[in-house]
Amino acid sequence: MSAAWQRVHERALRDNVSLRLAAFATAVEAVATAEQLRGYI
């Protein structure tokens, strides 16, 4: 859990966005990566 928060917090600081938007962007990125690995994209 703390690793996930750390990733989101770092993204929020890097992109200068809210934690909510950083969490959403991180989640979308994870789904896109999974779909690429499965060959859907």
PDB file of N, CA and C in Angstrom:
ATOM      1  N   MET A   1       0.820  -1.193   0.000  1.00  0.00           N
ATOM      2  CA  MET A   1       0.000   0.000   0.000  1.00  0.00           C
ATOM      3  C   MET A   1       0.863   1.255   0.000  1.00  0.00           C
ATOM      4  N   SER A   2       1.933   1.240   0.783  1.00  0.00           N
ATOM      5  CA  SER A   2       2.768   2.434   0.840  1.00  0.00           C
ATOM      6  C   SER A   2       3.541   2.616  -0.467  1.00  0.00           C
ATOM      7  N   ALA A   3       3.866   1.523  -1.159  1.00  0.00           N
ATOM      8  CA  ALA A   3       4.544   1.643  -2.451  1.00  0.00           C
ATOM      9  C   ALA A   3       3.616   2.295  -3.474  1.00  0.00           C
ATOM     10  N   ALA A   4       2.353   1.937  -3.440  1.00  0.00           N
ATOM     11  CA  ALA A   4       1.381   2.528  -4.359  1.00  0.00           C
ATOM     12  C   ALA A   4       1.219   4.013  -4.072  1.00  0.00           C
ATOM     13  N   TRP A   5       1.130   4.359  -2.806  1.00  0.00           N
ATOM     14  CA  TRP A   5       0.999   5.776  -2.444  1.00  0.00           C
ATOM     15  C   TRP A   5       2.240   6.545  -2.883  1.00  0.00           C
ATOM     16  N   GLN A   6       3.395   5.947  -2.722  1.00  0.00           N
ATOM     17  CA  GLN A   6       4.645   6.605  -3.117  1.00  0.00           C
ATOM     18  C   GLN A   6       4.653   6.883  -4.617  1.00  0.00           C
ATOM     19  N   ARG A   7       4.224   5.897  -5.420  1.00  0.00           N
ATOM     20  CA  ARG A   7       4.165   6.106  -6.873  1.00  0.00           C
ATOM     21  C   ARG A   7       3.219   7.246  -7.234  1.00  0.00           C
ATOM     22  N   VAL A   8       2.062   7.264  -6.600  1.00  0.00           N
ATOM     23  CA  VAL A   8       1.074   8.305  -6.894  1.00  0.00           C
ATOM     24  C   VAL A   8       1.598   9.669  -6.436  1.00  0.00           C
ATOM     25  N   HIS A   9       2.183   9.716  -5.276  1.00  0.00           N
ATOM     26  CA  HIS A   9       2.707  10.986  -4.752  1.00  0.00           C
ATOM     27  C   HIS A   9       3.813  11.526  -5.651  1.00  0.00           C
ATOM     28  N   GLU A  10       4.725  10.657  -6.084  1.00  0.00           N
ATOM     29  CA  GLU A  10       5.796  11.087  -6.982  1.00  0.00           C
ATOM     30  C   GLU A  10       5.230  11.598  -8.303  1.00  0.00           C
ATOM     31  N   ARG A  11       4.204  10.925  -8.805  1.00  0.00           N
ATOM     32  CA  ARG A  11       3.583  11.359 -10.066  1.00  0.00           C
ATOM     33  C   ARG A  11       2.906  12.706  -9.903  1.00  0.00           C
ATOM     34  N   ALA A  12       2.254  12.906  -8.772  1.00  0.00           N
ATOM     35  CA  ALA A  12       1.582  14.185  -8.519  1.00  0.00           C
ATOM     36  C   ALA A  12       2.596  15.325  -8.476  1.00  0.00           C
ATOM     37  N   LEU A  13       3.724  15.087  -7.840  1.00  0.00           N
ATOM     38  CA  LEU A  13       4.756  16.117  -7.771  1.00  0.00           C
ATOM     39  C   LEU A  13       5.391  16.349  -9.142  1.00  0.00           C
ATOM     40  N   ARG A  14       5.694  15.271  -9.853  1.00  0.00           N
ATOM     41  CA  ARG A  14       6.349  15.387 -11.155  1.00  0.00           C
ATOM     42  C   ARG A  14       5.477  16.116 -12.170  1.00  0.00           C
ATOM     43  N   ASP A  15       4.178  15.761 -12.204  1.00  0.00           N
ATOM     44  CA  ASP A  15       3.272  16.336 -13.202  1.00  0.00           C
ATOM     45  C   ASP A  15       2.542  17.571 -12.699  1.00  0.00           C
ATOM     46  N   ASN A  16       2.765  17.926 -11.433  1.00  0.00           N
ATOM     47  CA  ASN A  16       2.119  19.083 -10.813  1.00  0.00           C
ATOM     48  C   ASN A  16       0.590  19.000 -10.919  1.00  0.00           C
ATOM     49  N   VAL A  17       0.056  17.848 -10.496  1.00  0.00           N
ATOM     50  CA  VAL A  17      -1.389  17.616 -10.507  1.00  0.00           C
ATOM     51  C   VAL A  17      -1.830  17.155  -9.120  1.00  0.00           C
ATOM     52  N   SER A  18      -3.139  17.046  -8.940  1.00  0.00           N
ATOM     53  CA  SER A  18      -3.667  16.585  -7.658  1.00  0.00           C
ATOM     54  C   SER A  18      -3.377  15.094  -7.469  1.00  0.00           C
ATOM     55  N   LEU A  19      -3.458  14.640  -6.238  1.00  0.00           N
ATOM     56  CA  LEU A  19      -3.268  13.214  -5.963  1.00  0.00           C
ATOM     57  C   LEU A  19      -4.331  12.377  -6.673  1.00  0.00           C
ATOM     58  N   ARG A  20      -5.539  12.904  -6.747  1.00  0.00           N
ATOM     59  CA  ARG A  20      -6.617  12.176  -7.416  1.00  0.00           C
ATOM     60  C   ARG A  20      -6.296  11.971  -8.894  1.00  0.00           C
ATOM     61  N   LEU A  21      -5.854  13.018  -9.564  1.00  0.00           N
ATOM     62  CA  LEU A  21      -5.522  12.906 -10.978  1.00  0.00           C
ATOM     63  C   LEU A  21      -4.293  12.027 -11.185  1.00  0.00           C
ATOM     64  N   ALA A  22      -3.332  12.121 -10.294  1.00  0.00           N
ATOM     65  CA  ALA A  22      -2.138  11.281 -10.382  1.00  0.00           C
ATOM     66  C   ALA A  22      -2.506   9.811 -10.206  1.00  0.00           C
ATOM     67  N   ALA A  23      -3.419   9.509  -9.297  1.00  0.00           N
ATOM     68  CA  ALA A  23      -3.862   8.132  -9.087  1.00  0.00           C
ATOM     69  C   ALA A  23      -4.588   7.607 -10.322  1.00  0.00           C
ATOM     70  N   PHE A  24      -5.417   8.439 -10.915  1.00  0.00           N
ATOM     71  CA  PHE A  24      -6.138   8.041 -12.118  1.00  0.00           C
ATOM     72  C   PHE A  24      -5.164   7.777 -13.260  1.00  0.00           C
ATOM     73  N   ALA A  25      -4.202   8.660 -13.456  1.00  0.00           N
ATOM     74  CA  ALA A  25      -3.219   8.496 -14.529  1.00  0.00           C
ATOM     75  C   ALA A  25      -2.382   7.241 -14.317  1.00  0.00           C
ATOM     76  N   THR A  26      -2.014   6.971 -13.076  1.00  0.00           N
ATOM     77  CA  THR A  26      -1.232   5.774 -12.763  1.00  0.00           C
ATOM     78  C   THR A  26      -2.043   4.516 -13.060  1.00  0.00           C
ATOM     79  N   ALA A  27      -3.314   4.536 -12.726  1.00  0.00           N
ATOM     80  CA  ALA A  27      -4.176   3.380 -12.975  1.00  0.00           C
ATOM     81  C   ALA A  27      -4.364   3.145 -14.469  1.00  0.00           C
ATOM     82  N   VAL A  28      -4.601   4.201 -15.215  1.00  0.00           N
ATOM     83  CA  VAL A  28      -4.783   4.065 -16.667  1.00  0.00           C
ATOM     84  C   VAL A  28      -3.502   3.540 -17.304  1.00  0.00           C
ATOM     85  N   GLU A  29      -2.370   4.025 -16.839  1.00  0.00           N
ATOM     86  CA  GLU A  29      -1.084   3.554 -17.357  1.00  0.00           C
ATOM     87  C   GLU A  29      -0.889   2.061 -17.068  1.00  0.00           C
ATOM     88  N   ALA A  30      -1.296   1.611 -15.894  1.00  0.00           N
ATOM     89  CA  ALA A  30      -1.168   0.198 -15.533  1.00  0.00           C
ATOM     90  C   ALA A  30      -2.055  -0.676 -16.424  1.00  0.00           C
ATOM     91  N   VAL A  31      -3.259  -0.225 -16.701  1.00  0.00           N
ATOM     92  CA  VAL A  31      -4.166  -0.985 -17.570  1.00  0.00           C
ATOM     93  C   VAL A  31      -3.609  -1.032 -18.991  1.00  0.00           C
ATOM     94  N   ALA A  32      -3.098   0.082 -19.477  1.00  0.00           N
ATOM     95  CA  ALA A  32      -2.525   0.121 -20.831  1.00  0.00           C
ATOM     96  C   ALA A  32      -1.331  -0.822 -20.936  1.00  0.00           C
ATOM     97  N   THR A  33      -0.504  -0.854 -19.916  1.00  0.00           N
ATOM     98  CA  THR A  33       0.647  -1.756 -19.918  1.00  0.00           C
ATOM     99  C   THR A  33       0.197  -3.213 -19.935  1.00  0.00           C
ATOM    100  N   ALA A  34      -0.804  -3.540 -19.137  1.00  0.00           N
ATOM    101  CA  ALA A  34      -1.317  -4.904 -19.093  1.00  0.00           C
ATOM    102  C   ALA A  34      -1.896  -5.315 -20.444  1.00  0.00           C
ATOM    103  N   GLU A  35      -2.625  -4.403 -21.088  1.00  0.00           N
ATOM    104  CA  GLU A  35      -3.198  -4.718 -22.391  1.00  0.00           C
ATOM    105  C   GLU A  35      -2.110  -4.910 -23.443  1.00  0.00           C
ATOM    106  N   GLN A  36      -1.043  -4.132 -23.374  1.00  0.00           N
ATOM    107  CA  GLN A  36       0.064  -4.313 -24.304  1.00  0.00           C
ATOM    108  C   GLN A  36       0.722  -5.669 -24.106  1.00  0.00           C
ATOM    109  N   LEU A  37       0.931  -6.052 -22.860  1.00  0.00           N
ATOM    110  CA  LEU A  37       1.563  -7.339 -22.574  1.00  0.00           C
ATOM    111  C   LEU A  37       0.715  -8.506 -23.047  1.00  0.00           C
ATOM    112  N   ARG A  38      -0.599  -8.330 -23.021  1.00  0.00           N
ATOM    113  CA  ARG A  38      -1.503  -9.392 -23.466  1.00  0.00           C
ATOM    114  C   ARG A  38      -1.718  -9.390 -24.970  1.00  0.00           C
ATOM    115  N   GLY A  39      -1.196  -8.351 -25.641  1.00  0.00           N
ATOM    116  CA  GLY A  39      -1.310  -8.292 -27.083  1.00  0.00           C
ATOM    117  C   GLY A  39      -2.588  -7.663 -27.591  1.00  0.00           C
ATOM    118  N   TYR A  40      -3.343  -6.985 -26.736  1.00  0.00           N
ATOM    119  CA  TYR A  40      -4.583  -6.339 -27.171  1.00  0.00           C
ATOM    120  C   TYR A  40      -4.316  -5.044 -27.907  1.00  0.00           C
ATOM    121  N   ILE A  41      -3.196  -4.431 -27.629  1.00  0.00           N
ATOM    122  CA  ILE A  41      -2.866  -3.142 -28.270  1.00  0.00           C
ATOM    123  C   ILE A  41      -1.679  -3.368 -29.172  1.00  0.00           C
TER     124      ILE A  41
END
